[in-house]
Amino acid sequence: ATQGVLESREFVARMVNQRGSYQVT
């Protein structure tokens, strides 16, 4: 996908969200 591999984007988003505070998709 142009934006990146979906599974990898979902994984990175989970890493961001585990930091707390701001949540991404």
PDBML (XML) file of the C-alpha atoms, coordinates in Angstrom:
<?xml version="1.0" encoding="UTF-8" ?>
<PDBx:datablock datablockName="MODEL"
   xmlns:PDBx="http://pdbml.pdb.org/schema/pdbx-v50.xsd"
   xmlns:xsi="http://www.w3.org/2001/XMLSchema-instance"
   xsi:schemaLocation="http://pdbml.pdb.org/schema/pdbx-v50.xsd pdbx-v50.xsd">
   <PDBx:atom_siteCategory>
      <PDBx:atom_site id="1">
         <PDBx:B_iso_or_equiv>0.00</PDBx:B_iso_or_equiv>
         <PDBx:Cartn_x>0.000</PDBx:Cartn_x>
         <PDBx:Cartn_y>0.000</PDBx:Cartn_y>
         <PDBx:Cartn_z>0.000</PDBx:Cartn_z>
         <PDBx:auth_asym_id>A</PDBx:auth_asym_id>
         <PDBx:auth_atom_id>CA</PDBx:auth_atom_id>
         <PDBx:auth_comp_id>ALA</PDBx:auth_comp_id>
         <PDBx:auth_seq_id>1</PDBx:auth_seq_id>
         <PDBx:group_PDB>ATOM</PDBx:group_PDB>
         <PDBx:label_alt_id xsi:nil="true" />
         <PDBx:label_asym_id>A</PDBx:label_asym_id>
         <PDBx:label_atom_id>CA</PDBx:label_atom_id>
         <PDBx:label_comp_id>ALA</PDBx:label_comp_id>
         <PDBx:label_entity_id>1</PDBx:label_entity_id>
         <PDBx:label_seq_id>1</PDBx:label_seq_id>
         <PDBx:occupancy>1.00</PDBx:occupancy>
         <PDBx:pdbx_PDB_model_num>1</PDBx:pdbx_PDB_model_num>
         <PDBx:type_symbol>C</PDBx:type_symbol>
      </PDBx:atom_site>
      <PDBx:atom_site id="2">
         <PDBx:B_iso_or_equiv>0.00</PDBx:B_iso_or_equiv>
         <PDBx:Cartn_x>1.171</PDBx:Cartn_x>
         <PDBx:Cartn_y>3.522</PDBx:Cartn_y>
         <PDBx:Cartn_z>-0.738</PDBx:Cartn_z>
         <PDBx:auth_asym_id>A</PDBx:auth_asym_id>
         <PDBx:auth_atom_id>CA</PDBx:auth_atom_id>
         <PDBx:auth_comp_id>THR</PDBx:auth_comp_id>
         <PDBx:auth_seq_id>2</PDBx:auth_seq_id>
         <PDBx:group_PDB>ATOM</PDBx:group_PDB>
         <PDBx:label_alt_id xsi:nil="true" />
         <PDBx:label_asym_id>A</PDBx:label_asym_id>
         <PDBx:label_atom_id>CA</PDBx:label_atom_id>
         <PDBx:label_comp_id>THR</PDBx:label_comp_id>
         <PDBx:label_entity_id>1</PDBx:label_entity_id>
         <PDBx:label_seq_id>2</PDBx:label_seq_id>
         <PDBx:occupancy>1.00</PDBx:occupancy>
         <PDBx:pdbx_PDB_model_num>1</PDBx:pdbx_PDB_model_num>
         <PDBx:type_symbol>C</PDBx:type_symbol>
      </PDBx:atom_site>
      <PDBx:atom_site id="3">
         <PDBx:B_iso_or_equiv>0.00</PDBx:B_iso_or_equiv>
         <PDBx:Cartn_x>1.038</PDBx:Cartn_x>
         <PDBx:Cartn_y>4.518</PDBx:Cartn_y>
         <PDBx:Cartn_z>2.931</PDBx:Cartn_z>
         <PDBx:auth_asym_id>A</PDBx:auth_asym_id>
         <PDBx:auth_atom_id>CA</PDBx:auth_atom_id>
         <PDBx:auth_comp_id>GLN</PDBx:auth_comp_id>
         <PDBx:auth_seq_id>3</PDBx:auth_seq_id>
         <PDBx:group_PDB>ATOM</PDBx:group_PDB>
         <PDBx:label_alt_id xsi:nil="true" />
         <PDBx:label_asym_id>A</PDBx:label_asym_id>
         <PDBx:label_atom_id>CA</PDBx:label_atom_id>
         <PDBx:label_comp_id>GLN</PDBx:label_comp_id>
         <PDBx:label_entity_id>1</PDBx:label_entity_id>
         <PDBx:label_seq_id>3</PDBx:label_seq_id>
         <PDBx:occupancy>1.00</PDBx:occupancy>
         <PDBx:pdbx_PDB_model_num>1</PDBx:pdbx_PDB_model_num>
         <PDBx:type_symbol>C</PDBx:type_symbol>
      </PDBx:atom_site>
      <PDBx:atom_site id="4">
         <PDBx:B_iso_or_equiv>0.00</PDBx:B_iso_or_equiv>
         <PDBx:Cartn_x>2.848</PDBx:Cartn_x>
         <PDBx:Cartn_y>1.335</PDBx:Cartn_y>
         <PDBx:Cartn_z>3.945</PDBx:Cartn_z>
         <PDBx:auth_asym_id>A</PDBx:auth_asym_id>
         <PDBx:auth_atom_id>CA</PDBx:auth_atom_id>
         <PDBx:auth_comp_id>GLY</PDBx:auth_comp_id>
         <PDBx:auth_seq_id>4</PDBx:auth_seq_id>
         <PDBx:group_PDB>ATOM</PDBx:group_PDB>
         <PDBx:label_alt_id xsi:nil="true" />
         <PDBx:label_asym_id>A</PDBx:label_asym_id>
         <PDBx:label_atom_id>CA</PDBx:label_atom_id>
         <PDBx:label_comp_id>GLY</PDBx:label_comp_id>
         <PDBx:label_entity_id>1</PDBx:label_entity_id>
         <PDBx:label_seq_id>4</PDBx:label_seq_id>
         <PDBx:occupancy>1.00</PDBx:occupancy>
         <PDBx:pdbx_PDB_model_num>1</PDBx:pdbx_PDB_model_num>
         <PDBx:type_symbol>C</PDBx:type_symbol>
      </PDBx:atom_site>
      <PDBx:atom_site id="5">
         <PDBx:B_iso_or_equiv>0.00</PDBx:B_iso_or_equiv>
         <PDBx:Cartn_x>2.186</PDBx:Cartn_x>
         <PDBx:Cartn_y>-2.299</PDBx:Cartn_y>
         <PDBx:Cartn_z>4.813</PDBx:Cartn_z>
         <PDBx:auth_asym_id>A</PDBx:auth_asym_id>
         <PDBx:auth_atom_id>CA</PDBx:auth_atom_id>
         <PDBx:auth_comp_id>VAL</PDBx:auth_comp_id>
         <PDBx:auth_seq_id>5</PDBx:auth_seq_id>
         <PDBx:group_PDB>ATOM</PDBx:group_PDB>
         <PDBx:label_alt_id xsi:nil="true" />
         <PDBx:label_asym_id>A</PDBx:label_asym_id>
         <PDBx:label_atom_id>CA</PDBx:label_atom_id>
         <PDBx:label_comp_id>VAL</PDBx:label_comp_id>
         <PDBx:label_entity_id>1</PDBx:label_entity_id>
         <PDBx:label_seq_id>5</PDBx:label_seq_id>
         <PDBx:occupancy>1.00</PDBx:occupancy>
         <PDBx:pdbx_PDB_model_num>1</PDBx:pdbx_PDB_model_num>
         <PDBx:type_symbol>C</PDBx:type_symbol>
      </PDBx:atom_site>
      <PDBx:atom_site id="6">
         <PDBx:B_iso_or_equiv>0.00</PDBx:B_iso_or_equiv>
         <PDBx:Cartn_x>-1.035</PDBx:Cartn_x>
         <PDBx:Cartn_y>-2.345</PDBx:Cartn_y>
         <PDBx:Cartn_z>6.838</PDBx:Cartn_z>
         <PDBx:auth_asym_id>A</PDBx:auth_asym_id>
         <PDBx:auth_atom_id>CA</PDBx:auth_atom_id>
         <PDBx:auth_comp_id>LEU</PDBx:auth_comp_id>
         <PDBx:auth_seq_id>6</PDBx:auth_seq_id>
         <PDBx:group_PDB>ATOM</PDBx:group_PDB>
         <PDBx:label_alt_id xsi:nil="true" />
         <PDBx:label_asym_id>A</PDBx:label_asym_id>
         <PDBx:label_atom_id>CA</PDBx:label_atom_id>
         <PDBx:label_comp_id>LEU</PDBx:label_comp_id>
         <PDBx:label_entity_id>1</PDBx:label_entity_id>
         <PDBx:label_seq_id>6</PDBx:label_seq_id>
         <PDBx:occupancy>1.00</PDBx:occupancy>
         <PDBx:pdbx_PDB_model_num>1</PDBx:pdbx_PDB_model_num>
         <PDBx:type_symbol>C</PDBx:type_symbol>
      </PDBx:atom_site>
      <PDBx:atom_site id="7">
         <PDBx:B_iso_or_equiv>0.00</PDBx:B_iso_or_equiv>
         <PDBx:Cartn_x>0.169</PDBx:Cartn_x>
         <PDBx:Cartn_y>-4.912</PDBx:Cartn_y>
         <PDBx:Cartn_z>9.402</PDBx:Cartn_z>
         <PDBx:auth_asym_id>A</PDBx:auth_asym_id>
         <PDBx:auth_atom_id>CA</PDBx:auth_atom_id>
         <PDBx:auth_comp_id>GLU</PDBx:auth_comp_id>
         <PDBx:auth_seq_id>7</PDBx:auth_seq_id>
         <PDBx:group_PDB>ATOM</PDBx:group_PDB>
         <PDBx:label_alt_id xsi:nil="true" />
         <PDBx:label_asym_id>A</PDBx:label_asym_id>
         <PDBx:label_atom_id>CA</PDBx:label_atom_id>
         <PDBx:label_comp_id>GLU</PDBx:label_comp_id>
         <PDBx:label_entity_id>1</PDBx:label_entity_id>
         <PDBx:label_seq_id>7</PDBx:label_seq_id>
         <PDBx:occupancy>1.00</PDBx:occupancy>
         <PDBx:pdbx_PDB_model_num>1</PDBx:pdbx_PDB_model_num>
         <PDBx:type_symbol>C</PDBx:type_symbol>
      </PDBx:atom_site>
      <PDBx:atom_site id="8">
         <PDBx:B_iso_or_equiv>0.00</PDBx:B_iso_or_equiv>
         <PDBx:Cartn_x>3.304</PDBx:Cartn_x>
         <PDBx:Cartn_y>-2.830</PDBx:Cartn_y>
         <PDBx:Cartn_z>10.009</PDBx:Cartn_z>
         <PDBx:auth_asym_id>A</PDBx:auth_asym_id>
         <PDBx:auth_atom_id>CA</PDBx:auth_atom_id>
         <PDBx:auth_comp_id>SER</PDBx:auth_comp_id>
         <PDBx:auth_seq_id>8</PDBx:auth_seq_id>
         <PDBx:group_PDB>ATOM</PDBx:group_PDB>
         <PDBx:label_alt_id xsi:nil="true" />
         <PDBx:label_asym_id>A</PDBx:label_asym_id>
         <PDBx:label_atom_id>CA</PDBx:label_atom_id>
         <PDBx:label_comp_id>SER</PDBx:label_comp_id>
         <PDBx:label_entity_id>1</PDBx:label_entity_id>
         <PDBx:label_seq_id>8</PDBx:label_seq_id>
         <PDBx:occupancy>1.00</PDBx:occupancy>
         <PDBx:pdbx_PDB_model_num>1</PDBx:pdbx_PDB_model_num>
         <PDBx:type_symbol>C</PDBx:type_symbol>
      </PDBx:atom_site>
      <PDBx:atom_site id="9">
         <PDBx:B_iso_or_equiv>0.00</PDBx:B_iso_or_equiv>
         <PDBx:Cartn_x>1.337</PDBx:Cartn_x>
         <PDBx:Cartn_y>0.408</PDBx:Cartn_y>
         <PDBx:Cartn_z>10.351</PDBx:Cartn_z>
         <PDBx:auth_asym_id>A</PDBx:auth_asym_id>
         <PDBx:auth_atom_id>CA</PDBx:auth_atom_id>
         <PDBx:auth_comp_id>ARG</PDBx:auth_comp_id>
         <PDBx:auth_seq_id>9</PDBx:auth_seq_id>
         <PDBx:group_PDB>ATOM</PDBx:group_PDB>
         <PDBx:label_alt_id xsi:nil="true" />
         <PDBx:label_asym_id>A</PDBx:label_asym_id>
         <PDBx:label_atom_id>CA</PDBx:label_atom_id>
         <PDBx:label_comp_id>ARG</PDBx:label_comp_id>
         <PDBx:label_entity_id>1</PDBx:label_entity_id>
         <PDBx:label_seq_id>9</PDBx:label_seq_id>
         <PDBx:occupancy>1.00</PDBx:occupancy>
         <PDBx:pdbx_PDB_model_num>1</PDBx:pdbx_PDB_model_num>
         <PDBx:type_symbol>C</PDBx:type_symbol>
      </PDBx:atom_site>
      <PDBx:atom_site id="10">
         <PDBx:B_iso_or_equiv>0.00</PDBx:B_iso_or_equiv>
         <PDBx:Cartn_x>-1.005</PDBx:Cartn_x>
         <PDBx:Cartn_y>-1.274</PDBx:Cartn_y>
         <PDBx:Cartn_z>12.809</PDBx:Cartn_z>
         <PDBx:auth_asym_id>A</PDBx:auth_asym_id>
         <PDBx:auth_atom_id>CA</PDBx:auth_atom_id>
         <PDBx:auth_comp_id>GLU</PDBx:auth_comp_id>
         <PDBx:auth_seq_id>10</PDBx:auth_seq_id>
         <PDBx:group_PDB>ATOM</PDBx:group_PDB>
         <PDBx:label_alt_id xsi:nil="true" />
         <PDBx:label_asym_id>A</PDBx:label_asym_id>
         <PDBx:label_atom_id>CA</PDBx:label_atom_id>
         <PDBx:label_comp_id>GLU</PDBx:label_comp_id>
         <PDBx:label_entity_id>1</PDBx:label_entity_id>
         <PDBx:label_seq_id>10</PDBx:label_seq_id>
         <PDBx:occupancy>1.00</PDBx:occupancy>
         <PDBx:pdbx_PDB_model_num>1</PDBx:pdbx_PDB_model_num>
         <PDBx:type_symbol>C</PDBx:type_symbol>
      </PDBx:atom_site>
      <PDBx:atom_site id="11">
         <PDBx:B_iso_or_equiv>0.00</PDBx:B_iso_or_equiv>
         <PDBx:Cartn_x>1.969</PDBx:Cartn_x>
         <PDBx:Cartn_y>-2.579</PDBx:Cartn_y>
         <PDBx:Cartn_z>14.783</PDBx:Cartn_z>
         <PDBx:auth_asym_id>A</PDBx:auth_asym_id>
         <PDBx:auth_atom_id>CA</PDBx:auth_atom_id>
         <PDBx:auth_comp_id>PHE</PDBx:auth_comp_id>
         <PDBx:auth_seq_id>11</PDBx:auth_seq_id>
         <PDBx:group_PDB>ATOM</PDBx:group_PDB>
         <PDBx:label_alt_id xsi:nil="true" />
         <PDBx:label_asym_id>A</PDBx:label_asym_id>
         <PDBx:label_atom_id>CA</PDBx:label_atom_id>
         <PDBx:label_comp_id>PHE</PDBx:label_comp_id>
         <PDBx:label_entity_id>1</PDBx:label_entity_id>
         <PDBx:label_seq_id>11</PDBx:label_seq_id>
         <PDBx:occupancy>1.00</PDBx:occupancy>
         <PDBx:pdbx_PDB_model_num>1</PDBx:pdbx_PDB_model_num>
         <PDBx:type_symbol>C</PDBx:type_symbol>
      </PDBx:atom_site>
      <PDBx:atom_site id="12">
         <PDBx:B_iso_or_equiv>0.00</PDBx:B_iso_or_equiv>
         <PDBx:Cartn_x>3.651</PDBx:Cartn_x>
         <PDBx:Cartn_y>0.836</PDBx:Cartn_y>
         <PDBx:Cartn_z>14.902</PDBx:Cartn_z>
         <PDBx:auth_asym_id>A</PDBx:auth_asym_id>
         <PDBx:auth_atom_id>CA</PDBx:auth_atom_id>
         <PDBx:auth_comp_id>VAL</PDBx:auth_comp_id>
         <PDBx:auth_seq_id>12</PDBx:auth_seq_id>
         <PDBx:group_PDB>ATOM</PDBx:group_PDB>
         <PDBx:label_alt_id xsi:nil="true" />
         <PDBx:label_asym_id>A</PDBx:label_asym_id>
         <PDBx:label_atom_id>CA</PDBx:label_atom_id>
         <PDBx:label_comp_id>VAL</PDBx:label_comp_id>
         <PDBx:label_entity_id>1</PDBx:label_entity_id>
         <PDBx:label_seq_id>12</PDBx:label_seq_id>
         <PDBx:occupancy>1.00</PDBx:occupancy>
         <PDBx:pdbx_PDB_model_num>1</PDBx:pdbx_PDB_model_num>
         <PDBx:type_symbol>C</PDBx:type_symbol>
      </PDBx:atom_site>
      <PDBx:atom_site id="13">
         <PDBx:B_iso_or_equiv>0.00</PDBx:B_iso_or_equiv>
         <PDBx:Cartn_x>0.351</PDBx:Cartn_x>
         <PDBx:Cartn_y>2.438</PDBx:Cartn_y>
         <PDBx:Cartn_z>15.946</PDBx:Cartn_z>
         <PDBx:auth_asym_id>A</PDBx:auth_asym_id>
         <PDBx:auth_atom_id>CA</PDBx:auth_atom_id>
         <PDBx:auth_comp_id>ALA</PDBx:auth_comp_id>
         <PDBx:auth_seq_id>13</PDBx:auth_seq_id>
         <PDBx:group_PDB>ATOM</PDBx:group_PDB>
         <PDBx:label_alt_id xsi:nil="true" />
         <PDBx:label_asym_id>A</PDBx:label_asym_id>
         <PDBx:label_atom_id>CA</PDBx:label_atom_id>
         <PDBx:label_comp_id>ALA</PDBx:label_comp_id>
         <PDBx:label_entity_id>1</PDBx:label_entity_id>
         <PDBx:label_seq_id>13</PDBx:label_seq_id>
         <PDBx:occupancy>1.00</PDBx:occupancy>
         <PDBx:pdbx_PDB_model_num>1</PDBx:pdbx_PDB_model_num>
         <PDBx:type_symbol>C</PDBx:type_symbol>
      </PDBx:atom_site>
      <PDBx:atom_site id="14">
         <PDBx:B_iso_or_equiv>0.00</PDBx:B_iso_or_equiv>
         <PDBx:Cartn_x>0.089</PDBx:Cartn_x>
         <PDBx:Cartn_y>-0.005</PDBx:Cartn_y>
         <PDBx:Cartn_z>18.866</PDBx:Cartn_z>
         <PDBx:auth_asym_id>A</PDBx:auth_asym_id>
         <PDBx:auth_atom_id>CA</PDBx:auth_atom_id>
         <PDBx:auth_comp_id>ARG</PDBx:auth_comp_id>
         <PDBx:auth_seq_id>14</PDBx:auth_seq_id>
         <PDBx:group_PDB>ATOM</PDBx:group_PDB>
         <PDBx:label_alt_id xsi:nil="true" />
         <PDBx:label_asym_id>A</PDBx:label_asym_id>
         <PDBx:label_atom_id>CA</PDBx:label_atom_id>
         <PDBx:label_comp_id>ARG</PDBx:label_comp_id>
         <PDBx:label_entity_id>1</PDBx:label_entity_id>
         <PDBx:label_seq_id>14</PDBx:label_seq_id>
         <PDBx:occupancy>1.00</PDBx:occupancy>
         <PDBx:pdbx_PDB_model_num>1</PDBx:pdbx_PDB_model_num>
         <PDBx:type_symbol>C</PDBx:type_symbol>
      </PDBx:atom_site>
      <PDBx:atom_site id="15">
         <PDBx:B_iso_or_equiv>0.00</PDBx:B_iso_or_equiv>
         <PDBx:Cartn_x>3.645</PDBx:Cartn_x>
         <PDBx:Cartn_y>0.897</PDBx:Cartn_y>
         <PDBx:Cartn_z>19.919</PDBx:Cartn_z>
         <PDBx:auth_asym_id>A</PDBx:auth_asym_id>
         <PDBx:auth_atom_id>CA</PDBx:auth_atom_id>
         <PDBx:auth_comp_id>MET</PDBx:auth_comp_id>
         <PDBx:auth_seq_id>15</PDBx:auth_seq_id>
         <PDBx:group_PDB>ATOM</PDBx:group_PDB>
         <PDBx:label_alt_id xsi:nil="true" />
         <PDBx:label_asym_id>A</PDBx:label_asym_id>
         <PDBx:label_atom_id>CA</PDBx:label_atom_id>
         <PDBx:label_comp_id>MET</PDBx:label_comp_id>
         <PDBx:label_entity_id>1</PDBx:label_entity_id>
         <PDBx:label_seq_id>15</PDBx:label_seq_id>
         <PDBx:occupancy>1.00</PDBx:occupancy>
         <PDBx:pdbx_PDB_model_num>1</PDBx:pdbx_PDB_model_num>
         <PDBx:type_symbol>C</PDBx:type_symbol>
      </PDBx:atom_site>
      <PDBx:atom_site id="16">
         <PDBx:B_iso_or_equiv>0.00</PDBx:B_iso_or_equiv>
         <PDBx:Cartn_x>2.720</PDBx:Cartn_x>
         <PDBx:Cartn_y>4.584</PDBx:Cartn_y>
         <PDBx:Cartn_z>19.924</PDBx:Cartn_z>
         <PDBx:auth_asym_id>A</PDBx:auth_asym_id>
         <PDBx:auth_atom_id>CA</PDBx:auth_atom_id>
         <PDBx:auth_comp_id>VAL</PDBx:auth_comp_id>
         <PDBx:auth_seq_id>16</PDBx:auth_seq_id>
         <PDBx:group_PDB>ATOM</PDBx:group_PDB>
         <PDBx:label_alt_id xsi:nil="true" />
         <PDBx:label_asym_id>A</PDBx:label_asym_id>
         <PDBx:label_atom_id>CA</PDBx:label_atom_id>
         <PDBx:label_comp_id>VAL</PDBx:label_comp_id>
         <PDBx:label_entity_id>1</PDBx:label_entity_id>
         <PDBx:label_seq_id>16</PDBx:label_seq_id>
         <PDBx:occupancy>1.00</PDBx:occupancy>
         <PDBx:pdbx_PDB_model_num>1</PDBx:pdbx_PDB_model_num>
         <PDBx:type_symbol>C</PDBx:type_symbol>
      </PDBx:atom_site>
      <PDBx:atom_site id="17">
         <PDBx:B_iso_or_equiv>0.00</PDBx:B_iso_or_equiv>
         <PDBx:Cartn_x>-0.431</PDBx:Cartn_x>
         <PDBx:Cartn_y>3.943</PDBx:Cartn_y>
         <PDBx:Cartn_z>21.928</PDBx:Cartn_z>
         <PDBx:auth_asym_id>A</PDBx:auth_asym_id>
         <PDBx:auth_atom_id>CA</PDBx:auth_atom_id>
         <PDBx:auth_comp_id>ASN</PDBx:auth_comp_id>
         <PDBx:auth_seq_id>17</PDBx:auth_seq_id>
         <PDBx:group_PDB>ATOM</PDBx:group_PDB>
         <PDBx:label_alt_id xsi:nil="true" />
         <PDBx:label_asym_id>A</PDBx:label_asym_id>
         <PDBx:label_atom_id>CA</PDBx:label_atom_id>
         <PDBx:label_comp_id>ASN</PDBx:label_comp_id>
         <PDBx:label_entity_id>1</PDBx:label_entity_id>
         <PDBx:label_seq_id>17</PDBx:label_seq_id>
         <PDBx:occupancy>1.00</PDBx:occupancy>
         <PDBx:pdbx_PDB_model_num>1</PDBx:pdbx_PDB_model_num>
         <PDBx:type_symbol>C</PDBx:type_symbol>
      </PDBx:atom_site>
      <PDBx:atom_site id="18">
         <PDBx:B_iso_or_equiv>0.00</PDBx:B_iso_or_equiv>
         <PDBx:Cartn_x>1.454</PDBx:Cartn_x>
         <PDBx:Cartn_y>1.904</PDBx:Cartn_y>
         <PDBx:Cartn_z>24.530</PDBx:Cartn_z>
         <PDBx:auth_asym_id>A</PDBx:auth_asym_id>
         <PDBx:auth_atom_id>CA</PDBx:auth_atom_id>
         <PDBx:auth_comp_id>GLN</PDBx:auth_comp_id>
         <PDBx:auth_seq_id>18</PDBx:auth_seq_id>
         <PDBx:group_PDB>ATOM</PDBx:group_PDB>
         <PDBx:label_alt_id xsi:nil="true" />
         <PDBx:label_asym_id>A</PDBx:label_asym_id>
         <PDBx:label_atom_id>CA</PDBx:label_atom_id>
         <PDBx:label_comp_id>GLN</PDBx:label_comp_id>
         <PDBx:label_entity_id>1</PDBx:label_entity_id>
         <PDBx:label_seq_id>18</PDBx:label_seq_id>
         <PDBx:occupancy>1.00</PDBx:occupancy>
         <PDBx:pdbx_PDB_model_num>1</PDBx:pdbx_PDB_model_num>
         <PDBx:type_symbol>C</PDBx:type_symbol>
      </PDBx:atom_site>
      <PDBx:atom_site id="19">
         <PDBx:B_iso_or_equiv>0.00</PDBx:B_iso_or_equiv>
         <PDBx:Cartn_x>3.436</PDBx:Cartn_x>
         <PDBx:Cartn_y>5.025</PDBx:Cartn_y>
         <PDBx:Cartn_z>25.425</PDBx:Cartn_z>
         <PDBx:auth_asym_id>A</PDBx:auth_asym_id>
         <PDBx:auth_atom_id>CA</PDBx:auth_atom_id>
         <PDBx:auth_comp_id>ARG</PDBx:auth_comp_id>
         <PDBx:auth_seq_id>19</PDBx:auth_seq_id>
         <PDBx:group_PDB>ATOM</PDBx:group_PDB>
         <PDBx:label_alt_id xsi:nil="true" />
         <PDBx:label_asym_id>A</PDBx:label_asym_id>
         <PDBx:label_atom_id>CA</PDBx:label_atom_id>
         <PDBx:label_comp_id>ARG</PDBx:label_comp_id>
         <PDBx:label_entity_id>1</PDBx:label_entity_id>
         <PDBx:label_seq_id>19</PDBx:label_seq_id>
         <PDBx:occupancy>1.00</PDBx:occupancy>
         <PDBx:pdbx_PDB_model_num>1</PDBx:pdbx_PDB_model_num>
         <PDBx:type_symbol>C</PDBx:type_symbol>
      </PDBx:atom_site>
      <PDBx:atom_site id="20">
         <PDBx:B_iso_or_equiv>0.00</PDBx:B_iso_or_equiv>
         <PDBx:Cartn_x>0.203</PDBx:Cartn_x>
         <PDBx:Cartn_y>6.507</PDBx:Cartn_y>
         <PDBx:Cartn_z>26.773</PDBx:Cartn_z>
         <PDBx:auth_asym_id>A</PDBx:auth_asym_id>
         <PDBx:auth_atom_id>CA</PDBx:auth_atom_id>
         <PDBx:auth_comp_id>GLY</PDBx:auth_comp_id>
         <PDBx:auth_seq_id>20</PDBx:auth_seq_id>
         <PDBx:group_PDB>ATOM</PDBx:group_PDB>
         <PDBx:label_alt_id xsi:nil="true" />
         <PDBx:label_asym_id>A</PDBx:label_asym_id>
         <PDBx:label_atom_id>CA</PDBx:label_atom_id>
         <PDBx:label_comp_id>GLY</PDBx:label_comp_id>
         <PDBx:label_entity_id>1</PDBx:label_entity_id>
         <PDBx:label_seq_id>20</PDBx:label_seq_id>
         <PDBx:occupancy>1.00</PDBx:occupancy>
         <PDBx:pdbx_PDB_model_num>1</PDBx:pdbx_PDB_model_num>
         <PDBx:type_symbol>C</PDBx:type_symbol>
      </PDBx:atom_site>
      <PDBx:atom_site id="21">
         <PDBx:B_iso_or_equiv>0.00</PDBx:B_iso_or_equiv>
         <PDBx:Cartn_x>-1.310</PDBx:Cartn_x>
         <PDBx:Cartn_y>9.927</PDBx:Cartn_y>
         <PDBx:Cartn_z>26.172</PDBx:Cartn_z>
         <PDBx:auth_asym_id>A</PDBx:auth_asym_id>
         <PDBx:auth_atom_id>CA</PDBx:auth_atom_id>
         <PDBx:auth_comp_id>SER</PDBx:auth_comp_id>
         <PDBx:auth_seq_id>21</PDBx:auth_seq_id>
         <PDBx:group_PDB>ATOM</PDBx:group_PDB>
         <PDBx:label_alt_id xsi:nil="true" />
         <PDBx:label_asym_id>A</PDBx:label_asym_id>
         <PDBx:label_atom_id>CA</PDBx:label_atom_id>
         <PDBx:label_comp_id>SER</PDBx:label_comp_id>
         <PDBx:label_entity_id>1</PDBx:label_entity_id>
         <PDBx:label_seq_id>21</PDBx:label_seq_id>
         <PDBx:occupancy>1.00</PDBx:occupancy>
         <PDBx:pdbx_PDB_model_num>1</PDBx:pdbx_PDB_model_num>
         <PDBx:type_symbol>C</PDBx:type_symbol>
      </PDBx:atom_site>
      <PDBx:atom_site id="22">
         <PDBx:B_iso_or_equiv>0.00</PDBx:B_iso_or_equiv>
         <PDBx:Cartn_x>-1.882</PDBx:Cartn_x>
         <PDBx:Cartn_y>10.565</PDBx:Cartn_y>
         <PDBx:Cartn_z>22.448</PDBx:Cartn_z>
         <PDBx:auth_asym_id>A</PDBx:auth_asym_id>
         <PDBx:auth_atom_id>CA</PDBx:auth_atom_id>
         <PDBx:auth_comp_id>TYR</PDBx:auth_comp_id>
         <PDBx:auth_seq_id>22</PDBx:auth_seq_id>
         <PDBx:group_PDB>ATOM</PDBx:group_PDB>
         <PDBx:label_alt_id xsi:nil="true" />
         <PDBx:label_asym_id>A</PDBx:label_asym_id>
         <PDBx:label_atom_id>CA</PDBx:label_atom_id>
         <PDBx:label_comp_id>TYR</PDBx:label_comp_id>
         <PDBx:label_entity_id>1</PDBx:label_entity_id>
         <PDBx:label_seq_id>22</PDBx:label_seq_id>
         <PDBx:occupancy>1.00</PDBx:occupancy>
         <PDBx:pdbx_PDB_model_num>1</PDBx:pdbx_PDB_model_num>
         <PDBx:type_symbol>C</PDBx:type_symbol>
      </PDBx:atom_site>
      <PDBx:atom_site id="23">
         <PDBx:B_iso_or_equiv>0.00</PDBx:B_iso_or_equiv>
         <PDBx:Cartn_x>-3.522</PDBx:Cartn_x>
         <PDBx:Cartn_y>7.673</PDBx:Cartn_y>
         <PDBx:Cartn_z>20.581</PDBx:Cartn_z>
         <PDBx:auth_asym_id>A</PDBx:auth_asym_id>
         <PDBx:auth_atom_id>CA</PDBx:auth_atom_id>
         <PDBx:auth_comp_id>GLN</PDBx:auth_comp_id>
         <PDBx:auth_seq_id>23</PDBx:auth_seq_id>
         <PDBx:group_PDB>ATOM</PDBx:group_PDB>
         <PDBx:label_alt_id xsi:nil="true" />
         <PDBx:label_asym_id>A</PDBx:label_asym_id>
         <PDBx:label_atom_id>CA</PDBx:label_atom_id>
         <PDBx:label_comp_id>GLN</PDBx:label_comp_id>
         <PDBx:label_entity_id>1</PDBx:label_entity_id>
         <PDBx:label_seq_id>23</PDBx:label_seq_id>
         <PDBx:occupancy>1.00</PDBx:occupancy>
         <PDBx:pdbx_PDB_model_num>1</PDBx:pdbx_PDB_model_num>
         <PDBx:type_symbol>C</PDBx:type_symbol>
      </PDBx:atom_site>
      <PDBx:atom_site id="24">
         <PDBx:B_iso_or_equiv>0.00</PDBx:B_iso_or_equiv>
         <PDBx:Cartn_x>-3.104</PDBx:Cartn_x>
         <PDBx:Cartn_y>6.999</PDBx:Cartn_y>
         <PDBx:Cartn_z>16.869</PDBx:Cartn_z>
         <PDBx:auth_asym_id>A</PDBx:auth_asym_id>
         <PDBx:auth_atom_id>CA</PDBx:auth_atom_id>
         <PDBx:auth_comp_id>VAL</PDBx:auth_comp_id>
         <PDBx:auth_seq_id>24</PDBx:auth_seq_id>
         <PDBx:group_PDB>ATOM</PDBx:group_PDB>
         <PDBx:label_alt_id xsi:nil="true" />
         <PDBx:label_asym_id>A</PDBx:label_asym_id>
         <PDBx:label_atom_id>CA</PDBx:label_atom_id>
         <PDBx:label_comp_id>VAL</PDBx:label_comp_id>
         <PDBx:label_entity_id>1</PDBx:label_entity_id>
         <PDBx:label_seq_id>24</PDBx:label_seq_id>
         <PDBx:occupancy>1.00</PDBx:occupancy>
         <PDBx:pdbx_PDB_model_num>1</PDBx:pdbx_PDB_model_num>
         <PDBx:type_symbol>C</PDBx:type_symbol>
      </PDBx:atom_site>
      <PDBx:atom_site id="25">
         <PDBx:B_iso_or_equiv>0.00</PDBx:B_iso_or_equiv>
         <PDBx:Cartn_x>-4.461</PDBx:Cartn_x>
         <PDBx:Cartn_y>4.612</PDBx:Cartn_y>
         <PDBx:Cartn_z>14.261</PDBx:Cartn_z>
         <PDBx:auth_asym_id>A</PDBx:auth_asym_id>
         <PDBx:auth_atom_id>CA</PDBx:auth_atom_id>
         <PDBx:auth_comp_id>THR</PDBx:auth_comp_id>
         <PDBx:auth_seq_id>25</PDBx:auth_seq_id>
         <PDBx:group_PDB>ATOM</PDBx:group_PDB>
         <PDBx:label_alt_id xsi:nil="true" />
         <PDBx:label_asym_id>A</PDBx:label_asym_id>
         <PDBx:label_atom_id>CA</PDBx:label_atom_id>
         <PDBx:label_comp_id>THR</PDBx:label_comp_id>
         <PDBx:label_entity_id>1</PDBx:label_entity_id>
         <PDBx:label_seq_id>25</PDBx:label_seq_id>
         <PDBx:occupancy>1.00</PDBx:occupancy>
         <PDBx:pdbx_PDB_model_num>1</PDBx:pdbx_PDB_model_num>
         <PDBx:type_symbol>C</PDBx:type_symbol>
      </PDBx:atom_site>
   </PDBx:atom_siteCategory>
</PDBx:datablock>
